[in-house]
PDB file of N, CA and C in Angstrom:
ATOM      1  N   MET A   1       9.095  -9.934   9.004  1.00  0.00           N
ATOM      2  CA  MET A   1       8.429  -8.954   8.448  1.00  0.00           C
ATOM      3  C   MET A   1       8.432  -9.328   6.714  1.00  0.00           C
ATOM      4  N   THR A   2       9.253  -9.938   6.390  1.00  0.00           N
ATOM      5  CA  THR A   2       9.727 -10.433   4.953  1.00  0.00           C
ATOM      6  C   THR A   2       8.693 -11.701   5.039  1.00  0.00           C
ATOM      7  N   THR A   3       8.268 -11.827   3.723  1.00  0.00           N
ATOM      8  CA  THR A   3       7.617 -13.224   3.293  1.00  0.00           C
ATOM      9  C   THR A   3       7.744 -13.709   1.815  1.00  0.00           C
ATOM     10  N   THR A   4       7.719 -14.866   1.772  1.00  0.00           N
ATOM     11  CA  THR A   4       7.605 -15.553   0.353  1.00  0.00           C
ATOM     12  C   THR A   4       6.243 -16.559   0.263  1.00  0.00           C
ATOM     13  N   ALA A   5       5.781 -16.581   1.468  1.00  0.00           N
ATOM     14  CA  ALA A   5       4.541 -17.556   1.626  1.00  0.00           C
ATOM     15  C   ALA A   5       3.358 -17.165   0.923  1.00  0.00           C
ATOM     16  N   ASN A   6       3.031 -15.666   0.968  1.00  0.00           N
ATOM     17  CA  ASN A   6       1.825 -15.073   0.356  1.00  0.00           C
ATOM     18  C   ASN A   6       2.226 -15.105  -1.179  1.00  0.00           C
ATOM     19  N   SER A   7       1.130 -15.263  -2.075  1.00  0.00           N
ATOM     20  CA  SER A   7       1.178 -15.132  -3.644  1.00  0.00           C
ATOM     21  C   SER A   7       1.124 -13.859  -3.721  1.00  0.00           C
ATOM     22  N   ASN A   8       1.560 -13.229  -4.840  1.00  0.00           N
ATOM     23  CA  ASN A   8       1.534 -11.924  -5.142  1.00  0.00           C
ATOM     24  C   ASN A   8       1.330 -11.908  -6.935  1.00  0.00           C
ATOM     25  N   PRO A   9       0.135 -12.121  -6.987  1.00  0.00           N
ATOM     26  CA  PRO A   9      -0.050 -11.869  -8.403  1.00  0.00           C
ATOM     27  C   PRO A   9      -0.068 -10.682  -9.015  1.00  0.00           C
ATOM     28  N   SER A  10      -0.292  -9.559  -8.098  1.00  0.00           N
ATOM     29  CA  SER A  10      -0.274  -8.157  -8.522  1.00  0.00           C
ATOM     30  C   SER A  10       1.031  -7.619  -9.022  1.00  0.00           C
ATOM     31  N   GLY A  11       1.982  -8.377  -8.473  1.00  0.00           N
ATOM     32  CA  GLY A  11       3.671  -7.927  -8.732  1.00  0.00           C
ATOM     33  C   GLY A  11       4.123  -6.782  -7.905  1.00  0.00           C
ATOM     34  N   HIS A  12       3.102  -6.226  -6.976  1.00  0.00           N
ATOM     35  CA  HIS A  12       3.542  -4.912  -6.331  1.00  0.00           C
ATOM     36  C   HIS A  12       4.668  -5.247  -5.302  1.00  0.00           C
ATOM     37  N   PRO A  13       5.732  -4.664  -5.199  1.00  0.00           N
ATOM     38  CA  PRO A  13       7.009  -4.978  -4.332  1.00  0.00           C
ATOM     39  C   PRO A  13       6.414  -5.129  -2.929  1.00  0.00           C
ATOM     40  N   ILE A  14       5.550  -4.162  -2.443  1.00  0.00           N
ATOM     41  CA  ILE A  14       4.973  -4.228  -1.138  1.00  0.00           C
ATOM     42  C   ILE A  14       4.633  -5.469  -0.671  1.00  0.00           C
ATOM     43  N   PHE A  15       4.037  -6.384  -1.629  1.00  0.00           N
ATOM     44  CA  PHE A  15       3.396  -7.707  -1.192  1.00  0.00           C
ATOM     45  C   PHE A  15       4.567  -8.704  -1.232  1.00  0.00           C
ATOM     46  N   ASP A  16       5.755  -8.524  -1.606  1.00  0.00           N
ATOM     47  CA  ASP A  16       7.092  -9.370  -1.473  1.00  0.00           C
ATOM     48  C   ASP A  16       7.741  -8.992  -0.195  1.00  0.00           C
ATOM     49  N   LYS A  17       7.621  -7.779   0.204  1.00  0.00           N
ATOM     50  CA  LYS A  17       8.420  -7.332   1.311  1.00  0.00           C
ATOM     51  C   LYS A  17       7.629  -7.617   2.665  1.00  0.00           C
ATOM     52  N   TYR A  18       6.393  -7.645   2.677  1.00  0.00           N
ATOM     53  CA  TYR A  18       5.800  -7.562   4.028  1.00  0.00           C
ATOM     54  C   TYR A  18       4.455  -8.597   3.921  1.00  0.00           C
ATOM     55  N   THR A  19       4.442  -9.161   4.934  1.00  0.00           N
ATOM     56  CA  THR A  19       3.130 -10.185   5.318  1.00  0.00           C
ATOM     57  C   THR A  19       1.918  -9.524   5.199  1.00  0.00           C
ATOM     58  N   ARG A  20       0.697  -9.893   4.816  1.00  0.00           N
ATOM     59  CA  ARG A  20      -0.525  -9.326   5.042  1.00  0.00           C
ATOM     60  C   ARG A  20      -0.901  -8.977   6.360  1.00  0.00           C
ATOM     61  N   GLY A  21      -0.658  -9.949   7.093  1.00  0.00           N
ATOM     62  CA  GLY A  21      -0.802  -9.712   8.658  1.00  0.00           C
ATOM     63  C   GLY A  21      -0.074  -8.382   9.100  1.00  0.00           C
ATOM     64  N   TRP A  22       1.278  -8.452   8.739  1.00  0.00           N
ATOM     65  CA  TRP A  22       2.191  -7.063   9.196  1.00  0.00           C
ATOM     66  C   TRP A  22       1.332  -6.054   8.685  1.00  0.00           C
ATOM     67  N   LEU A  23       1.117  -6.077   7.295  1.00  0.00           N
ATOM     68  CA  LEU A  23       0.536  -4.677   6.786  1.00  0.00           C
ATOM     69  C   LEU A  23      -0.820  -4.522   7.497  1.00  0.00           C
ATOM     70  N   SER A  24      -1.626  -5.483   7.806  1.00  0.00           N
ATOM     71  CA  SER A  24      -2.728  -5.169   8.454  1.00  0.00           C
ATOM     72  C   SER A  24      -2.660  -4.497   9.751  1.00  0.00           C
ATOM     73  N   ARG A  25      -1.628  -4.900  10.684  1.00  0.00           N
ATOM     74  CA  ARG A  25      -1.463  -4.312  11.977  1.00  0.00           C
ATOM     75  C   ARG A  25      -0.748  -3.004  11.734  1.00  0.00           C
ATOM     76  N   ASN A  26       0.011  -2.597  10.696  1.00  0.00           N
ATOM     77  CA  ASN A  26       0.640  -1.517  10.721  1.00  0.00           C
ATOM     78  C   ASN A  26       0.057  -0.374   9.728  1.00  0.00           C
ATOM     79  N   THR A  27      -1.261  -0.652   8.963  1.00  0.00           N
ATOM     80  CA  THR A  27      -1.706   0.354   8.240  1.00  0.00           C
ATOM     81  C   THR A  27      -2.991   0.415   8.741  1.00  0.00           C
ATOM     82  N   GLY A  28      -3.736  -0.518   9.447  1.00  0.00           N
ATOM     83  CA  GLY A  28      -5.165  -0.422   9.824  1.00  0.00           C
ATOM     84  C   GLY A  28      -6.109  -1.167   8.854  1.00  0.00           C
ATOM     85  N   PHE A  29      -5.698  -1.423   7.861  1.00  0.00           N
ATOM     86  CA  PHE A  29      -6.449  -2.065   6.791  1.00  0.00           C
ATOM     87  C   PHE A  29      -6.749  -3.696   7.325  1.00  0.00           C
ATOM     88  N   SER A  30      -7.982  -4.132   6.909  1.00  0.00           N
ATOM     89  CA  SER A  30      -8.090  -5.544   7.409  1.00  0.00           C
ATOM     90  C   SER A  30      -7.138  -6.296   6.541  1.00  0.00           C
ATOM     91  N   ARG A  31      -6.932  -7.551   6.995  1.00  0.00           N
ATOM     92  CA  ARG A  31      -6.119  -8.585   6.327  1.00  0.00           C
ATOM     93  C   ARG A  31      -6.756  -9.072   4.894  1.00  0.00           C
ATOM     94  N   THR A  32      -8.135  -9.093   5.094  1.00  0.00           N
ATOM     95  CA  THR A  32      -8.759  -9.574   4.024  1.00  0.00           C
ATOM     96  C   THR A  32      -8.818  -8.468   2.983  1.00  0.00           C
ATOM     97  N   TYR A  33      -8.793  -7.402   3.066  1.00  0.00           N
ATOM     98  CA  TYR A  33      -8.949  -6.323   2.018  1.00  0.00           C
ATOM     99  C   TYR A  33      -7.467  -6.335   1.543  1.00  0.00           C
ATOM    100  N   ILE A  34      -6.485  -6.278   2.553  1.00  0.00           N
ATOM    101  CA  ILE A  34      -4.947  -6.355   1.832  1.00  0.00           C
ATOM    102  C   ILE A  34      -4.837  -7.662   0.877  1.00  0.00           C
ATOM    103  N   SER A  35      -5.440  -8.692   1.313  1.00  0.00           N
ATOM    104  CA  SER A  35      -5.234 -10.023   0.615  1.00  0.00           C
ATOM    105  C   SER A  35      -5.935  -9.784  -0.782  1.00  0.00           C
ATOM    106  N   ARG A  36      -7.327  -9.123  -0.901  1.00  0.00           N
ATOM    107  CA  ARG A  36      -8.011  -9.019  -2.093  1.00  0.00           C
ATOM    108  C   ARG A  36      -7.233  -8.035  -3.016  1.00  0.00           C
ATOM    109  N   ILE A  37      -6.429  -6.965  -2.448  1.00  0.00           N
ATOM    110  CA  ILE A  37      -5.651  -6.110  -3.473  1.00  0.00           C
ATOM    111  C   ILE A  37      -4.358  -6.935  -3.936  1.00  0.00           C
ATOM    112  N   SER A  38      -3.823  -7.616  -3.029  1.00  0.00           N
ATOM    113  CA  SER A  38      -2.598  -8.545  -3.387  1.00  0.00           C
ATOM    114  C   SER A  38      -2.715  -9.531  -4.556  1.00  0.00           C
ATOM    115  N   THR A  39      -4.207  -9.952  -4.398  1.00  0.00           N
ATOM    116  CA  THR A  39      -4.483 -11.086  -5.385  1.00  0.00           C
ATOM    117  C   THR A  39      -4.961 -10.475  -6.815  1.00  0.00           C
ATOM    118  N   GLY A  40      -5.242  -9.140  -6.794  1.00  0.00           N
ATOM    119  CA  GLY A  40      -5.699  -8.502  -7.784  1.00  0.00           C
ATOM    120  C   GLY A  40      -7.204  -8.564  -7.820  1.00  0.00           C
ATOM    121  N   LYS A  41      -7.881  -8.982  -6.779  1.00  0.00           N
ATOM    122  CA  LYS A  41      -9.187  -9.147  -6.917  1.00  0.00           C
ATOM    123  C   LYS A  41     -10.012  -7.832  -6.563  1.00  0.00           C
ATOM    124  N   LEU A  42      -9.234  -6.766  -6.018  1.00  0.00           N
ATOM    125  CA  LEU A  42      -9.557  -5.467  -5.876  1.00  0.00           C
ATOM    126  C   LEU A  42      -8.432  -4.720  -6.325  1.00  0.00           C
ATOM    127  N   PRO A  43      -8.907  -3.416  -7.148  1.00  0.00           N
ATOM    128  CA  PRO A  43      -7.782  -2.533  -7.622  1.00  0.00           C
ATOM    129  C   PRO A  43      -7.226  -1.676  -6.461  1.00  0.00           C
ATOM    130  N   LEU A  44      -6.002  -0.974  -6.674  1.00  0.00           N
ATOM    131  CA  LEU A  44      -5.309  -0.218  -5.851  1.00  0.00           C
ATOM    132  C   LEU A  44      -6.210   1.038  -5.780  1.00  0.00           C
ATOM    133  N   THR A  45      -6.393   1.639  -4.624  1.00  0.00           N
ATOM    134  CA  THR A  45      -7.154   3.075  -4.521  1.00  0.00           C
ATOM    135  C   THR A  45      -6.155   3.985  -4.045  1.00  0.00           C
ATOM    136  N   ARG A  46      -6.259   5.429  -4.402  1.00  0.00           N
ATOM    137  CA  ARG A  46      -5.409   6.466  -3.722  1.00  0.00           C
ATOM    138  C   ARG A  46      -5.386   6.298  -2.315  1.00  0.00           C
ATOM    139  N   SER A  47      -6.531   6.038  -1.692  1.00  0.00           N
ATOM    140  CA  SER A  47      -6.582   6.229  -0.344  1.00  0.00           C
ATOM    141  C   SER A  47      -5.609   4.987   0.462  1.00  0.00           C
ATOM    142  N   PHE A  48      -5.445   3.760  -0.341  1.00  0.00           N
ATOM    143  CA  PHE A  48      -4.856   2.715   0.166  1.00  0.00           C
ATOM    144  C   PHE A  48      -3.473   3.084  -0.059  1.00  0.00           C
ATOM    145  N   VAL A  49      -2.959   3.482  -1.406  1.00  0.00           N
ATOM    146  CA  VAL A  49      -1.573   3.790  -1.353  1.00  0.00           C
ATOM    147  C   VAL A  49      -1.178   5.026  -0.649  1.00  0.00           C
ATOM    148  N   TYR A  50      -1.799   6.079  -0.349  1.00  0.00           N
ATOM    149  CA  TYR A  50      -1.563   7.152   0.599  1.00  0.00           C
ATOM    150  C   TYR A  50      -1.226   6.573   1.806  1.00  0.00           C
ATOM    151  N   ARG A  51      -2.481   6.021   2.433  1.00  0.00           N
ATOM    152  CA  ARG A  51      -2.116   5.357   3.873  1.00  0.00           C
ATOM    153  C   ARG A  51      -1.120   4.528   4.144  1.00  0.00           C
ATOM    154  N   VAL A  52      -0.707   3.428   3.104  1.00  0.00           N
ATOM    155  CA  VAL A  52       0.333   2.859   3.311  1.00  0.00           C
ATOM    156  C   VAL A  52       1.685   3.548   3.314  1.00  0.00           C
ATOM    157  N   CYS A  53       1.824   4.248   2.292  1.00  0.00           N
ATOM    158  CA  CYS A  53       3.097   5.187   2.227  1.00  0.00           C
ATOM    159  C   CYS A  53       3.164   5.851   3.501  1.00  0.00           C
ATOM    160  N   TYR A  54       2.012   6.537   3.965  1.00  0.00           N
ATOM    161  CA  TYR A  54       2.412   7.499   5.145  1.00  0.00           C
ATOM    162  C   TYR A  54       2.610   6.641   6.481  1.00  0.00           C
ATOM    163  N   ARG A  55       1.984   5.423   6.463  1.00  0.00           N
ATOM    164  CA  ARG A  55       2.285   4.610   7.599  1.00  0.00           C
ATOM    165  C   ARG A  55       3.492   4.166   7.638  1.00  0.00           C
ATOM    166  N   LEU A  56       4.025   3.581   6.683  1.00  0.00           N
ATOM    167  CA  LEU A  56       5.398   3.085   6.497  1.00  0.00           C
ATOM    168  C   LEU A  56       6.409   3.992   6.319  1.00  0.00           C
ATOM    169  N   LYS A  57       5.957   5.226   5.863  1.00  0.00           N
ATOM    170  CA  LYS A  57       7.131   6.341   5.635  1.00  0.00           C
ATOM    171  C   LYS A  57       7.805   6.033   4.390  1.00  0.00           C
ATOM    172  N   LEU A  58       7.277   5.275   3.462  1.00  0.00           N
ATOM    173  CA  LEU A  58       8.211   5.072   2.328  1.00  0.00           C
ATOM    174  C   LEU A  58       7.490   5.625   0.932  1.00  0.00           C
ATOM    175  N   LEU A  59       8.214   5.907  -0.016  1.00  0.00           N
ATOM    176  CA  LEU A  59       7.868   6.520  -1.389  1.00  0.00           C
ATOM    177  C   LEU A  59       6.897   5.469  -1.982  1.00  0.00           C
ATOM    178  N   GLU A  60       5.860   5.916  -2.717  1.00  0.00           N
ATOM    179  CA  GLU A  60       5.075   5.110  -3.367  1.00  0.00           C
ATOM    180  C   GLU A  60       5.857   4.158  -4.369  1.00  0.00           C
ATOM    181  N   SER A  61       7.022   4.818  -5.037  1.00  0.00           N
ATOM    182  CA  SER A  61       7.657   4.023  -6.188  1.00  0.00           C
ATOM    183  C   SER A  61       8.353   2.863  -5.487  1.00  0.00           C
ATOM    184  N   GLU A  62       8.493   2.726  -4.086  1.00  0.00           N
ATOM    185  CA  GLU A  62       9.124   1.743  -3.581  1.00  0.00           C
ATOM    186  C   GLU A  62       8.364   0.581  -3.283  1.00  0.00           C
ATOM    187  N   LEU A  63       6.977   0.990  -3.184  1.00  0.00           N
ATOM    188  CA  LEU A  63       6.021  -0.207  -2.927  1.00  0.00           C
ATOM    189  C   LEU A  63       5.148  -0.869  -3.975  1.00  0.00           C
ATOM    190  N   PHE A  64       5.044   0.120  -4.909  1.00  0.00           N
ATOM    191  CA  PHE A  64       3.920  -0.026  -5.961  1.00  0.00           C
ATOM    192  C   PHE A  64       4.356  -0.005  -7.264  1.00  0.00           C
ATOM    193  N   LEU A  65       3.993  -0.924  -8.330  1.00  0.00           N
ATOM    194  CA  LEU A  65       4.428  -0.954  -9.658  1.00  0.00           C
ATOM    195  C   LEU A  65       4.018   0.637 -10.284  1.00  0.00           C
ATOM    196  N   PRO A  66       4.599   1.253 -11.291  1.00  0.00           N
ATOM    197  CA  PRO A  66       3.983   2.376 -11.885  1.00  0.00           C
ATOM    198  C   PRO A  66       2.979   2.216 -13.006  1.00  0.00           C
ATOM    199  N   ASP A  67       2.945   0.963 -13.498  1.00  0.00           N
ATOM    200  CA  ASP A  67       2.047   0.725 -14.747  1.00  0.00           C
ATOM    201  C   ASP A  67       1.151  -0.174 -14.411  1.00  0.00           C
ATOM    202  N   GLN A  68       0.826  -0.454 -13.167  1.00  0.00           N
ATOM    203  CA  GLN A  68      -0.326  -1.433 -12.753  1.00  0.00           C
ATOM    204  C   GLN A  68      -1.024  -0.877 -11.590  1.00  0.00           C
ATOM    205  N   GLY A  69      -2.257  -1.238 -11.255  1.00  0.00           N
ATOM    206  CA  GLY A  69      -2.996  -0.894 -10.088  1.00  0.00           C
ATOM    207  C   GLY A  69      -3.811   0.541 -10.280  1.00  0.00           C
ATOM    208  N   GLY A  70      -4.080   0.776 -11.719  1.00  0.00           N
ATOM    209  CA  GLY A  70      -4.907   1.943 -11.676  1.00  0.00           C
ATOM    210  C   GLY A  70      -4.198   3.418 -11.826  1.00  0.00           C
ATOM    211  N   ASP A  71      -4.568   3.841 -10.591  1.00  0.00           N
ATOM    212  CA  ASP A  71      -4.081   5.568 -10.635  1.00  0.00           C
ATOM    213  C   ASP A  71      -2.864   5.531  -9.656  1.00  0.00           C
ATOM    214  N   VAL A  72      -2.105   4.619  -9.749  1.00  0.00           N
ATOM    215  CA  VAL A  72      -0.601   4.576  -8.975  1.00  0.00           C
ATOM    216  C   VAL A  72       0.369   5.826  -9.761  1.00  0.00           C
ATOM    217  N   ASN A  73       0.829   6.460  -9.170  1.00  0.00           N
ATOM    218  CA  ASN A  73       1.724   7.512  -9.677  1.00  0.00           C
ATOM    219  C   ASN A  73       3.059   7.301  -9.242  1.00  0.00           C
ATOM    220  N   PRO A  74       4.249   6.969  -9.804  1.00  0.00           N
ATOM    221  CA  PRO A  74       5.236   6.714  -9.356  1.00  0.00           C
ATOM    222  C   PRO A  74       6.189   7.691  -9.033  1.00  0.00           C
ATOM    223  N   ASN A  75       5.932   8.806  -9.528  1.00  0.00           N
ATOM    224  CA  ASN A  75       6.485  10.096  -9.055  1.00  0.00           C
ATOM    225  C   ASN A  75       5.958  10.823  -8.038  1.00  0.00           C
ATOM    226  N   SER A  76       4.970  10.406  -7.422  1.00  0.00           N
ATOM    227  CA  SER A  76       4.158  11.035  -6.331  1.00  0.00           C
ATOM    228  C   SER A  76       5.265  10.999  -5.152  1.00  0.00           C
ATOM    229  N   PRO A  77       5.395  12.229  -4.457  1.00  0.00           N
ATOM    230  CA  PRO A  77       6.077  12.447  -3.060  1.00  0.00           C
ATOM    231  C   PRO A  77       5.116  12.237  -2.075  1.00  0.00           C
ATOM    232  N   THR A  78       4.522  10.876  -2.190  1.00  0.00           N
ATOM    233  CA  THR A  78       3.415  10.470  -1.039  1.00  0.00           C
ATOM    234  C   THR A  78       3.678  10.652   0.401  1.00  0.00           C
ATOM    235  N   PRO A  79       4.938  10.283   0.865  1.00  0.00           N
ATOM    236  CA  PRO A  79       5.170  10.691   2.315  1.00  0.00           C
ATOM    237  C   PRO A  79       5.184  12.100   2.732  1.00  0.00           C
ATOM    238  N   ALA A  80       5.756  12.893   1.893  1.00  0.00           N
ATOM    239  CA  ALA A  80       5.797  14.323   1.986  1.00  0.00           C
ATOM    240  C   ALA A  80       4.456  15.101   1.974  1.00  0.00           C
ATOM    241  N   LEU A  81       3.734  14.612   0.718  1.00  0.00           N
ATOM    242  CA  LEU A  81       2.337  15.048   0.670  1.00  0.00           C
ATOM    243  C   LEU A  81       1.454  14.482   1.874  1.00  0.00           C
ATOM    244  N   ALA A  82       1.417  13.567   2.418  1.00  0.00           N
ATOM    245  CA  ALA A  82       0.734  12.849   3.357  1.00  0.00           C
ATOM    246  C   ALA A  82       1.241  13.808   4.597  1.00  0.00           C
ATOM    247  N   GLN A  83       2.453  13.824   5.000  1.00  0.00           N
ATOM    248  CA  GLN A  83       2.685  14.699   6.181  1.00  0.00           C
ATOM    249  C   GLN A  83       2.152  16.087   6.209  1.00  0.00           C
ATOM    250  N   SER A  84       2.377  16.805   4.860  1.00  0.00           N
ATOM    251  CA  SER A  84       1.545  18.134   4.642  1.00  0.00           C
ATOM    252  C   SER A  84       0.472  18.265   4.701  1.00  0.00           C
ATOM    253  N   LYS A  85      -0.352  17.398   4.021  1.00  0.00           N
ATOM    254  CA  LYS A  85      -1.729  17.714   3.641  1.00  0.00           C
ATOM    255  C   LYS A  85      -2.602  16.739   4.409  1.00  0.00           C
ATOM    256  N   ILE A  86      -2.292  15.545   4.815  1.00  0.00           N
ATOM    257  CA  ILE A  86      -3.235  14.703   5.317  1.00  0.00           C
ATOM    258  C   ILE A  86      -2.836  14.376   6.715  1.00  0.00           C
ATOM    259  N   THR A  87      -3.773  14.422   7.629  1.00  0.00           N
ATOM    260  CA  THR A  87      -3.433  14.324   8.975  1.00  0.00           C
ATOM    261  C   THR A  87      -3.940  12.929   9.131  1.00  0.00           C
ATOM    262  N   GLU A  88      -3.643  12.196  10.162  1.00  0.00           N
ATOM    263  CA  GLU A  88      -3.898  10.877  10.500  1.00  0.00           C
ATOM    264  C   GLU A  88      -5.594  10.658  10.648  1.00  0.00           C
ATOM    265  N   GLY A  89      -5.848  11.629  11.355  1.00  0.00           N
ATOM    266  CA  GLY A  89      -7.357  11.690  11.445  1.00  0.00           C
ATOM    267  C   GLY A  89      -8.312  11.844  10.300  1.00  0.00           C
ATOM    268  N   GLU A  90      -7.508  12.220   9.110  1.00  0.00           N
ATOM    269  CA  GLU A  90      -8.434  12.214   8.008  1.00  0.00           C
ATOM    270  C   GLU A  90      -8.304  11.245   7.086  1.00  0.00           C
ATOM    271  N   ILE A  91      -7.540  10.140   7.382  1.00  0.00           N
ATOM    272  CA  ILE A  91      -7.306   9.165   6.540  1.00  0.00           C
ATOM    273  C   ILE A  91      -8.160   8.021   6.868  1.00  0.00           C
ATOM    274  N   LYS A  92      -9.010   7.527   5.787  1.00  0.00           N
ATOM    275  CA  LYS A  92     -10.109   6.778   5.912  1.00  0.00           C
ATOM    276  C   LYS A  92      -9.864   5.536   5.204  1.00  0.00           C
ATOM    277  N   GLY A  93     -10.292   4.512   5.568  1.00  0.00           N
ATOM    278  CA  GLY A  93     -10.008   3.032   5.118  1.00  0.00           C
ATOM    279  C   GLY A  93     -11.315   2.401   4.495  1.00  0.00           C
TER     280      GLY A  93
END
């Protein structure tokens, strides 16, 4: 599950903790999409952050840097919000 083989120019902890393949299998996002986010070619989106936090059942602040990636909110109770307001059928990628 852990890797150092993937480069992580974005600096987000999630890309140091998990391989792109593992994230793809466990979040439903394509490996290519995850790779583009991890290299900074695409910005983070709220839908990406919500789905990843929901699927991994981890807080946003554990996976993403607060001052990078656009609209990431380090104080967001993402898993609780995801469990109470977003059902798995509503998550779109």
